[in-house]
Amino acid sequence: MAKWKAFPYTNPSFQFNREELKKAWKKLHAGDCEPFPLDNALQQAWRCFHEGDFQQAVRLSDEHGLAGHAVANKATGVYATYLEDNESQQIECFKAAIKRAEQAIEAFPEDPNSHYFHAFNLGRYSQSISVMKALKQGLGGKIQKSLKQALQLQPKHAEAHTALGMYHAEIINKVGKLIGSMTYGANDKEAIRHFETALKLTPASPIAHIEYGNGLYLLYGDSRLDDVTDLYVKASEMEPMDAMEKLDIESALAELE
C-alpha cells in the first residue's frame, strides 16, 4: 500500500483513550449507528480513524480480518474523498473498499454497515468517474440496493438516509425527473424526505447539512441557492468532534469562499 497523505490538522480533542472513546461513541457514531467494538484492536483502529490517521486505521482493521470492515471502509472512503489528490490512487482506494464491502456483505449480511459502506464507496467511485458513466455501468442500481438494505436493517442510519437522498438528487440532475423516475426510481420528494430525516436524526452533523445543500442545488439550482448557502453556513460553524467532521467543515468553508 502506497503511503497515504497525512491528515493536515492538529487537534488534541480528536485523540481518545479507551474510556474517552466509549463515552463519546454514541455522538461520534450517531450517523452510522456502528456499535462500540469490544475488541481492543478494533477500538484502536477507530481511535486512529477519529484522530485522522486513516491509513493506520485501515492497517489495524485489515489485520483483524473482515470484522474490521466498517472502520477500514469508512477510513478509506473519507481519505480518498478529501485527502487523495491523485485521481488514479483515489479510484484504487474506492475499488479496494468496494471489494472489502462485497466480502463483508457475504460474511455479515445482517450488518447494516456492510451494505452502507458498500454504497458509500460505490457512490464516491461513481462521482470520481462521472455519474453518467457509473449509471451506464449499472452502478446506480447497486448503490440503491445497498442503501435500501442498510435502512431496512437500521432505519435510523442517518448517513444512509443522506446517501439515498443524494442518489435521487444526482440521478434527477443527470437524466431528468421523467427518465430518472421511470428508469432508476428517482424522485425529488423522496430525496428531500431522506435529507430531512438525516437532519432530524443527526442535527449536529456537518455532512448531513452539506449533502442536503448539495442535493438541493442538484435538484433546483439557483432557485434554492439561499437555502443551500444557509445549510453550508450552518455546517461551517459547527465544532468538529473528530477528523472526519473537520474535513467536512473545511470543505463547507471552501465552498463558501
C-alpha atoms as a PDB file:
ATOM      1  CA  MET A   1       0.000   0.000   0.000  1.00  0.00           C
ATOM      2  CA  ALA A   2       1.406   3.370  -1.045  1.00  0.00           C
ATOM      3  CA  LYS A   3       1.884   5.860   1.744  1.00  0.00           C
ATOM      4  CA  TRP A   4      -1.223   7.974   2.213  1.00  0.00           C
ATOM      5  CA  LYS A   5      -1.141  11.702   2.762  1.00  0.00           C
ATOM      6  CA  ALA A   6      -1.239  12.866   6.367  1.00  0.00           C
ATOM      7  CA  PHE A   7      -4.259  14.487   7.962  1.00  0.00           C
ATOM      8  CA  PRO A   8      -3.317  18.190   7.754  1.00  0.00           C
ATOM      9  CA  TYR A   9      -4.808  19.434  11.031  1.00  0.00           C
ATOM     10  CA  THR A  10      -3.791  19.010  14.642  1.00  0.00           C
ATOM     11  CA  ASN A  11      -6.435  18.868  17.345  1.00  0.00           C
ATOM     12  CA  PRO A  12      -5.857  17.092  20.688  1.00  0.00           C
ATOM     13  CA  SER A  13      -9.610  16.713  21.152  1.00  0.00           C
ATOM     14  CA  PHE A  14      -9.629  14.187  18.289  1.00  0.00           C
ATOM     15  CA  GLN A  15      -7.445  11.841  20.352  1.00  0.00           C
ATOM     16  CA  PHE A  16      -9.396   9.412  22.507  1.00  0.00           C
ATOM     17  CA  ASN A  17      -8.218   6.856  25.055  1.00  0.00           C
ATOM     18  CA  ARG A  18     -10.382   3.779  25.562  1.00  0.00           C
ATOM     19  CA  GLU A  19     -12.678   5.307  28.173  1.00  0.00           C
ATOM     20  CA  GLU A  20     -12.995   8.589  26.274  1.00  0.00           C
ATOM     21  CA  LEU A  21     -13.820   6.709  23.085  1.00  0.00           C
ATOM     22  CA  LYS A  22     -16.500   4.676  24.819  1.00  0.00           C
ATOM     23  CA  LYS A  23     -18.004   7.784  26.410  1.00  0.00           C
ATOM     24  CA  ALA A  24     -18.063   9.722  23.125  1.00  0.00           C
ATOM     25  CA  TRP A  25     -19.035   6.776  20.930  1.00  0.00           C
ATOM     26  CA  LYS A  26     -22.765   7.457  20.693  1.00  0.00           C
ATOM     27  CA  LYS A  27     -22.170  11.003  19.454  1.00  0.00           C
ATOM     28  CA  LEU A  28     -19.260  10.043  17.197  1.00  0.00           C
ATOM     29  CA  HIS A  29     -21.333   7.341  15.546  1.00  0.00           C
ATOM     30  CA  ALA A  30     -24.773   8.911  15.572  1.00  0.00           C
ATOM     31  CA  GLY A  31     -24.604   8.967  11.778  1.00  0.00           C
ATOM     32  CA  ASP A  32     -23.566   5.389  11.042  1.00  0.00           C
ATOM     33  CA  CYS A  33     -25.014   3.564  14.098  1.00  0.00           C
ATOM     34  CA  GLU A  34     -21.867   1.421  14.368  1.00  0.00           C
ATOM     35  CA  PRO A  35     -21.869  -0.495  17.680  1.00  0.00           C
ATOM     36  CA  PHE A  36     -18.981   0.020  20.087  1.00  0.00           C
ATOM     37  CA  PRO A  37     -16.368  -2.700  19.391  1.00  0.00           C
ATOM     38  CA  LEU A  38     -15.428  -4.928  22.290  1.00  0.00           C
ATOM     39  CA  ASP A  39     -12.143  -5.932  20.664  1.00  0.00           C
ATOM     40  CA  ASN A  40      -9.178  -3.758  21.709  1.00  0.00           C
ATOM     41  CA  ALA A  41      -7.599  -3.872  18.243  1.00  0.00           C
ATOM     42  CA  LEU A  42     -10.745  -2.521  16.603  1.00  0.00           C
ATOM     43  CA  GLN A  43     -11.029   0.161  19.256  1.00  0.00           C
ATOM     44  CA  GLN A  44      -7.501   1.220  18.371  1.00  0.00           C
ATOM     45  CA  ALA A  45      -8.386   1.254  14.667  1.00  0.00           C
ATOM     46  CA  TRP A  46     -11.331   3.532  15.380  1.00  0.00           C
ATOM     47  CA  ARG A  47      -9.160   5.795  17.539  1.00  0.00           C
ATOM     48  CA  CYS A  48      -6.823   6.148  14.573  1.00  0.00           C
ATOM     49  CA  PHE A  49      -9.781   6.974  12.347  1.00  0.00           C
ATOM     50  CA  HIS A  50     -11.148   9.661  14.632  1.00  0.00           C
ATOM     51  CA  GLU A  51      -7.670  11.164  15.041  1.00  0.00           C
ATOM     52  CA  GLY A  52      -7.135  11.288  11.290  1.00  0.00           C
ATOM     53  CA  ASP A  53      -4.564   8.505  10.859  1.00  0.00           C
ATOM     54  CA  PHE A  54      -6.668   6.872   8.170  1.00  0.00           C
ATOM     55  CA  GLN A  55      -4.040   4.549   6.746  1.00  0.00           C
ATOM     56  CA  GLN A  56      -3.187   3.136  10.167  1.00  0.00           C
ATOM     57  CA  ALA A  57      -6.897   2.631  10.813  1.00  0.00           C
ATOM     58  CA  VAL A  58      -7.103   0.519   7.662  1.00  0.00           C
ATOM     59  CA  ARG A  59      -3.943  -1.436   8.505  1.00  0.00           C
ATOM     60  CA  LEU A  60      -5.136  -2.304  12.005  1.00  0.00           C
ATOM     61  CA  SER A  61      -8.611  -3.234  10.871  1.00  0.00           C
ATOM     62  CA  ASP A  62      -7.356  -5.383   7.980  1.00  0.00           C
ATOM     63  CA  GLU A  63      -5.048  -7.219  10.379  1.00  0.00           C
ATOM     64  CA  HIS A  64      -8.176  -8.087  12.323  1.00  0.00           C
ATOM     65  CA  GLY A  65      -9.870  -9.525   9.234  1.00  0.00           C
ATOM     66  CA  LEU A  66     -13.307  -8.757   7.831  1.00  0.00           C
ATOM     67  CA  ALA A  67     -14.655  -7.966  11.289  1.00  0.00           C
ATOM     68  CA  GLY A  68     -12.949  -4.602  10.838  1.00  0.00           C
ATOM     69  CA  HIS A  69     -14.664  -3.841   7.532  1.00  0.00           C
ATOM     70  CA  ALA A  70     -16.596  -0.805   8.791  1.00  0.00           C
ATOM     71  CA  VAL A  71     -13.631   1.198  10.064  1.00  0.00           C
ATOM     72  CA  ALA A  72     -11.481   0.157   7.100  1.00  0.00           C
ATOM     73  CA  ASN A  73     -14.099   1.157   4.544  1.00  0.00           C
ATOM     74  CA  LYS A  74     -15.051   4.393   6.281  1.00  0.00           C
ATOM     75  CA  ALA A  75     -11.401   5.404   6.659  1.00  0.00           C
ATOM     76  CA  THR A  76     -10.660   4.559   3.025  1.00  0.00           C
ATOM     77  CA  GLY A  77     -13.675   6.431   1.701  1.00  0.00           C
ATOM     78  CA  VAL A  78     -13.090   9.541   3.791  1.00  0.00           C
ATOM     79  CA  TYR A  79      -9.387   9.626   2.946  1.00  0.00           C
ATOM     80  CA  ALA A  80      -9.952   9.166  -0.789  1.00  0.00           C
ATOM     81  CA  THR A  81     -12.715  11.793  -0.855  1.00  0.00           C
ATOM     82  CA  TYR A  82     -10.873  14.546   0.958  1.00  0.00           C
ATOM     83  CA  LEU A  83      -7.126  13.952   1.004  1.00  0.00           C
ATOM     84  CA  GLU A  84      -6.080  11.926  -2.049  1.00  0.00           C
ATOM     85  CA  ASP A  85      -5.496  14.286  -4.972  1.00  0.00           C
ATOM     86  CA  ASN A  86      -4.087  11.680  -7.364  1.00  0.00           C
ATOM     87  CA  GLU A  87      -7.071  10.528  -9.408  1.00  0.00           C
ATOM     88  CA  SER A  88      -5.799   7.013 -10.108  1.00  0.00           C
ATOM     89  CA  GLN A  89      -4.874   6.482  -6.445  1.00  0.00           C
ATOM     90  CA  GLN A  90      -8.254   7.800  -5.384  1.00  0.00           C
ATOM     91  CA  ILE A  91     -10.040   5.330  -7.651  1.00  0.00           C
ATOM     92  CA  GLU A  92      -7.880   2.461  -6.376  1.00  0.00           C
ATOM     93  CA  CYS A  93      -8.866   3.366  -2.818  1.00  0.00           C
ATOM     94  CA  PHE A  94     -12.545   3.253  -3.678  1.00  0.00           C
ATOM     95  CA  LYS A  95     -12.145  -0.047  -5.532  1.00  0.00           C
ATOM     96  CA  ALA A  96     -10.358  -1.639  -2.562  1.00  0.00           C
ATOM     97  CA  ALA A  97     -13.130  -0.516  -0.228  1.00  0.00           C
ATOM     98  CA  ILE A  98     -15.842  -1.757  -2.601  1.00  0.00           C
ATOM     99  CA  LYS A  99     -14.188  -5.184  -2.782  1.00  0.00           C
ATOM    100  CA  ARG A 100     -13.883  -5.368   1.010  1.00  0.00           C
ATOM    101  CA  ALA A 101     -17.511  -4.316   1.367  1.00  0.00           C
ATOM    102  CA  GLU A 102     -18.683  -7.012  -1.053  1.00  0.00           C
ATOM    103  CA  GLN A 103     -16.874  -9.578   1.076  1.00  0.00           C
ATOM    104  CA  ALA A 104     -18.388  -8.074   4.229  1.00  0.00           C
ATOM    105  CA  ILE A 105     -21.897  -8.333   2.783  1.00  0.00           C
ATOM    106  CA  GLU A 106     -21.343 -12.061   2.256  1.00  0.00           C
ATOM    107  CA  ALA A 107     -19.825 -12.553   5.706  1.00  0.00           C
ATOM    108  CA  PHE A 108     -22.141 -10.225   7.668  1.00  0.00           C
ATOM    109  CA  PRO A 109     -25.399  -9.841   5.694  1.00  0.00           C
ATOM    110  CA  GLU A 110     -27.273  -8.596   8.787  1.00  0.00           C
ATOM    111  CA  ASP A 111     -24.769  -5.802   9.477  1.00  0.00           C
ATOM    112  CA  PRO A 112     -26.200  -2.517   8.145  1.00  0.00           C
ATOM    113  CA  ASN A 113     -22.721  -1.093   7.625  1.00  0.00           C
ATOM    114  CA  SER A 114     -21.665  -3.956   5.369  1.00  0.00           C
ATOM    115  CA  HIS A 115     -24.262  -2.580   2.964  1.00  0.00           C
ATOM    116  CA  TYR A 116     -23.892   1.105   3.769  1.00  0.00           C
ATOM    117  CA  PHE A 117     -20.141   1.346   3.233  1.00  0.00           C
ATOM    118  CA  HIS A 118     -20.539  -0.645   0.019  1.00  0.00           C
ATOM    119  CA  ALA A 119     -22.943   2.034  -1.217  1.00  0.00           C
ATOM    120  CA  PHE A 120     -20.846   4.870   0.218  1.00  0.00           C
ATOM    121  CA  ASN A 121     -17.695   3.865  -1.635  1.00  0.00           C
ATOM    122  CA  LEU A 122     -19.595   2.913  -4.802  1.00  0.00           C
ATOM    123  CA  GLY A 123     -21.163   6.361  -4.726  1.00  0.00           C
ATOM    124  CA  ARG A 124     -17.842   8.142  -4.284  1.00  0.00           C
ATOM    125  CA  TYR A 125     -16.323   5.962  -7.015  1.00  0.00           C
ATOM    126  CA  SER A 126     -19.240   6.880  -9.302  1.00  0.00           C
ATOM    127  CA  GLN A 127     -18.643  10.576  -8.688  1.00  0.00           C
ATOM    128  CA  SER A 128     -14.943  10.153  -9.434  1.00  0.00           C
ATOM    129  CA  ILE A 129     -15.559   8.541 -12.847  1.00  0.00           C
ATOM    130  CA  SER A 130     -18.707  10.662 -13.575  1.00  0.00           C
ATOM    131  CA  VAL A 131     -22.248   9.825 -12.527  1.00  0.00           C
ATOM    132  CA  MET A 132     -23.401   9.235 -16.120  1.00  0.00           C
ATOM    133  CA  LYS A 133     -20.625   6.728 -16.751  1.00  0.00           C
ATOM    134  CA  ALA A 134     -21.475   4.966 -13.492  1.00  0.00           C
ATOM    135  CA  LEU A 135     -25.151   4.760 -14.426  1.00  0.00           C
ATOM    136  CA  LYS A 136     -24.235   3.204 -17.789  1.00  0.00           C
ATOM    137  CA  GLN A 137     -22.207   0.608 -15.873  1.00  0.00           C
ATOM    138  CA  GLY A 138     -25.237  -0.271 -13.763  1.00  0.00           C
ATOM    139  CA  LEU A 139     -23.788   1.066 -10.532  1.00  0.00           C
ATOM    140  CA  GLY A 140     -26.855   3.124  -9.675  1.00  0.00           C
ATOM    141  CA  GLY A 141     -28.947   0.037  -9.020  1.00  0.00           C
ATOM    142  CA  LYS A 142     -26.243  -1.467  -6.827  1.00  0.00           C
ATOM    143  CA  ILE A 143     -25.980   1.711  -4.753  1.00  0.00           C
ATOM    144  CA  GLN A 144     -29.736   1.920  -4.291  1.00  0.00           C
ATOM    145  CA  LYS A 145     -29.998  -1.762  -3.335  1.00  0.00           C
ATOM    146  CA  SER A 146     -27.260  -1.491  -0.692  1.00  0.00           C
ATOM    147  CA  LEU A 147     -28.695   1.702   0.795  1.00  0.00           C
ATOM    148  CA  LYS A 148     -32.190   0.273   0.996  1.00  0.00           C
ATOM    149  CA  GLN A 149     -30.839  -2.851   2.673  1.00  0.00           C
ATOM    150  CA  ALA A 150     -28.886  -0.774   5.182  1.00  0.00           C
ATOM    151  CA  LEU A 151     -32.024   1.193   6.054  1.00  0.00           C
ATOM    152  CA  GLN A 152     -34.146  -1.928   6.269  1.00  0.00           C
ATOM    153  CA  LEU A 153     -31.702  -3.293   8.840  1.00  0.00           C
ATOM    154  CA  GLN A 154     -31.259   0.076  10.622  1.00  0.00           C
ATOM    155  CA  PRO A 155     -33.973   2.664   9.867  1.00  0.00           C
ATOM    156  CA  LYS A 156     -32.175   5.310  11.963  1.00  0.00           C
ATOM    157  CA  HIS A 157     -28.980   5.167   9.880  1.00  0.00           C
ATOM    158  CA  ALA A 158     -28.651   8.900   9.168  1.00  0.00           C
ATOM    159  CA  GLU A 159     -25.707   8.592   6.778  1.00  0.00           C
ATOM    160  CA  ALA A 160     -27.642   6.082   4.677  1.00  0.00           C
ATOM    161  CA  HIS A 161     -30.603   8.474   4.537  1.00  0.00           C
ATOM    162  CA  THR A 162     -28.276  11.249   3.380  1.00  0.00           C
ATOM    163  CA  ALA A 163     -26.710   8.988   0.758  1.00  0.00           C
ATOM    164  CA  LEU A 164     -30.098   7.860  -0.549  1.00  0.00           C
ATOM    165  CA  GLY A 165     -31.167  11.495  -0.792  1.00  0.00           C
ATOM    166  CA  MET A 166     -28.084  12.160  -2.907  1.00  0.00           C
ATOM    167  CA  TYR A 167     -28.833   9.091  -5.035  1.00  0.00           C
ATOM    168  CA  HIS A 168     -32.214  10.552  -6.013  1.00  0.00           C
ATOM    169  CA  ALA A 169     -30.838  14.072  -6.488  1.00  0.00           C
ATOM    170  CA  GLU A 170     -27.862  13.122  -8.651  1.00  0.00           C
ATOM    171  CA  ILE A 171     -29.898  10.937 -10.969  1.00  0.00           C
ATOM    172  CA  ILE A 172     -32.586  13.579 -11.475  1.00  0.00           C
ATOM    173  CA  ASN A 173     -29.867  16.165 -12.106  1.00  0.00           C
ATOM    174  CA  LYS A 174     -28.257  13.987 -14.782  1.00  0.00           C
ATOM    175  CA  VAL A 175     -31.221  12.430 -16.614  1.00  0.00           C
ATOM    176  CA  GLY A 176     -34.259  14.480 -15.555  1.00  0.00           C
ATOM    177  CA  LYS A 177     -37.336  13.676 -13.493  1.00  0.00           C
ATOM    178  CA  LEU A 178     -39.159  11.522 -16.050  1.00  0.00           C
ATOM    179  CA  ILE A 179     -36.303   9.209 -17.055  1.00  0.00           C
ATOM    180  CA  GLY A 180     -34.965   9.277 -13.502  1.00  0.00           C
ATOM    181  CA  SER A 181     -38.293   8.094 -12.153  1.00  0.00           C
ATOM    182  CA  MET A 182     -39.047   5.522 -14.842  1.00  0.00           C
ATOM    183  CA  THR A 183     -35.556   4.024 -15.125  1.00  0.00           C
ATOM    184  CA  TYR A 184     -33.994   4.465 -11.689  1.00  0.00           C
ATOM    185  CA  GLY A 185     -36.890   5.110  -9.315  1.00  0.00           C
ATOM    186  CA  ALA A 186     -35.554   8.591  -8.538  1.00  0.00           C
ATOM    187  CA  ASN A 187     -37.938  11.129  -7.011  1.00  0.00           C
ATOM    188  CA  ASP A 188     -37.259  14.651  -5.767  1.00  0.00           C
ATOM    189  CA  LYS A 189     -39.752  14.380  -2.906  1.00  0.00           C
ATOM    190  CA  GLU A 190     -38.053  11.193  -1.728  1.00  0.00           C
ATOM    191  CA  ALA A 191     -34.704  12.950  -1.865  1.00  0.00           C
ATOM    192  CA  ILE A 192     -35.974  15.733   0.404  1.00  0.00           C
ATOM    193  CA  ARG A 193     -37.586  13.222   2.766  1.00  0.00           C
ATOM    194  CA  HIS A 194     -34.297  11.373   3.229  1.00  0.00           C
ATOM    195  CA  PHE A 195     -32.306  14.584   3.710  1.00  0.00           C
ATOM    196  CA  GLU A 196     -34.799  15.848   6.285  1.00  0.00           C
ATOM    197  CA  THR A 197     -34.757  12.514   8.113  1.00  0.00           C
ATOM    198  CA  ALA A 198     -30.967  12.617   8.321  1.00  0.00           C
ATOM    199  CA  LEU A 199     -31.082  16.141   9.776  1.00  0.00           C
ATOM    200  CA  LYS A 200     -33.633  15.106  12.382  1.00  0.00           C
ATOM    201  CA  LEU A 201     -31.536  12.099  13.379  1.00  0.00           C
ATOM    202  CA  THR A 202     -28.229  14.000  13.424  1.00  0.00           C
ATOM    203  CA  PRO A 203     -28.863  17.747  13.774  1.00  0.00           C
ATOM    204  CA  ALA A 204     -25.220  18.375  14.737  1.00  0.00           C
ATOM    205  CA  SER A 205     -23.749  16.567  11.724  1.00  0.00           C
ATOM    206  CA  PRO A 206     -21.837  18.779   9.258  1.00  0.00           C
ATOM    207  CA  ILE A 207     -22.136  16.282   6.401  1.00  0.00           C
ATOM    208  CA  ALA A 208     -25.914  15.970   6.790  1.00  0.00           C
ATOM    209  CA  HIS A 209     -26.180  19.728   6.214  1.00  0.00           C
ATOM    210  CA  ILE A 210     -23.598  19.836   3.414  1.00  0.00           C
ATOM    211  CA  GLU A 211     -25.116  16.995   1.406  1.00  0.00           C
ATOM    212  CA  TYR A 212     -28.616  18.402   1.872  1.00  0.00           C
ATOM    213  CA  GLY A 213     -27.286  21.625   0.392  1.00  0.00           C
ATOM    214  CA  ASN A 214     -25.652  19.747  -2.466  1.00  0.00           C
ATOM    215  CA  GLY A 215     -28.864  17.836  -3.097  1.00  0.00           C
ATOM    216  CA  LEU A 216     -30.996  20.985  -3.162  1.00  0.00           C
ATOM    217  CA  TYR A 217     -28.675  22.570  -5.702  1.00  0.00           C
ATOM    218  CA  LEU A 218     -28.694  19.466  -7.905  1.00  0.00           C
ATOM    219  CA  LEU A 219     -32.483  19.366  -7.834  1.00  0.00           C
ATOM    220  CA  TYR A 220     -33.402  23.055  -8.027  1.00  0.00           C
ATOM    221  CA  GLY A 221     -30.286  25.030  -8.960  1.00  0.00           C
ATOM    222  CA  ASP A 222     -30.063  28.739  -8.183  1.00  0.00           C
ATOM    223  CA  SER A 223     -33.727  28.935  -7.167  1.00  0.00           C
ATOM    224  CA  ARG A 224     -32.739  27.361  -3.829  1.00  0.00           C
ATOM    225  CA  LEU A 225     -29.324  28.996  -3.530  1.00  0.00           C
ATOM    226  CA  ASP A 226     -30.231  30.839  -0.321  1.00  0.00           C
ATOM    227  CA  ASP A 227     -31.209  27.552   1.344  1.00  0.00           C
ATOM    228  CA  VAL A 228     -28.061  25.873   0.046  1.00  0.00           C
ATOM    229  CA  THR A 229     -25.900  28.665   1.420  1.00  0.00           C
ATOM    230  CA  ASP A 230     -27.684  28.557   4.768  1.00  0.00           C
ATOM    231  CA  LEU A 231     -27.010  24.828   5.105  1.00  0.00           C
ATOM    232  CA  TYR A 232     -23.345  25.335   4.246  1.00  0.00           C
ATOM    233  CA  VAL A 233     -23.018  28.187   6.739  1.00  0.00           C
ATOM    234  CA  LYS A 234     -24.563  26.050   9.486  1.00  0.00           C
ATOM    235  CA  ALA A 235     -22.122  23.235   8.705  1.00  0.00           C
ATOM    236  CA  SER A 236     -19.149  25.597   8.656  1.00  0.00           C
ATOM    237  CA  GLU A 237     -20.000  26.967  12.111  1.00  0.00           C
ATOM    238  CA  MET A 238     -20.122  23.564  13.802  1.00  0.00           C
ATOM    239  CA  GLU A 239     -17.464  22.309  16.195  1.00  0.00           C
ATOM    240  CA  PRO A 240     -15.916  19.114  14.801  1.00  0.00           C
ATOM    241  CA  MET A 241     -15.873  16.040  17.010  1.00  0.00           C
ATOM    242  CA  ASP A 242     -13.213  14.226  15.010  1.00  0.00           C
ATOM    243  CA  ALA A 243     -11.003  14.318  11.920  1.00  0.00           C
ATOM    244  CA  MET A 244     -13.782  13.384   9.513  1.00  0.00           C
ATOM    245  CA  GLU A 245     -16.005  16.215  10.712  1.00  0.00           C
ATOM    246  CA  LYS A 246     -13.078  18.616  10.471  1.00  0.00           C
ATOM    247  CA  LEU A 247     -12.637  17.657   6.815  1.00  0.00           C
ATOM    248  CA  ASP A 248     -16.379  18.038   6.225  1.00  0.00           C
ATOM    249  CA  ILE A 249     -16.355  21.519   7.761  1.00  0.00           C
ATOM    250  CA  GLU A 250     -13.262  22.606   5.813  1.00  0.00           C
ATOM    251  CA  SER A 251     -14.988  21.531   2.593  1.00  0.00           C
ATOM    252  CA  ALA A 252     -18.004  23.679   3.505  1.00  0.00           C
ATOM    253  CA  LEU A 253     -15.763  26.655   4.234  1.00  0.00           C
ATOM    254  CA  ALA A 254     -14.015  26.204   0.876  1.00  0.00           C
ATOM    255  CA  GLU A 255     -17.365  26.286  -0.930  1.00  0.00           C
ATOM    256  CA  LEU A 256     -18.369  29.481   0.863  1.00  0.00           C
ATOM    257  CA  GLU A 257     -15.215  31.384  -0.150  1.00  0.00           C
END
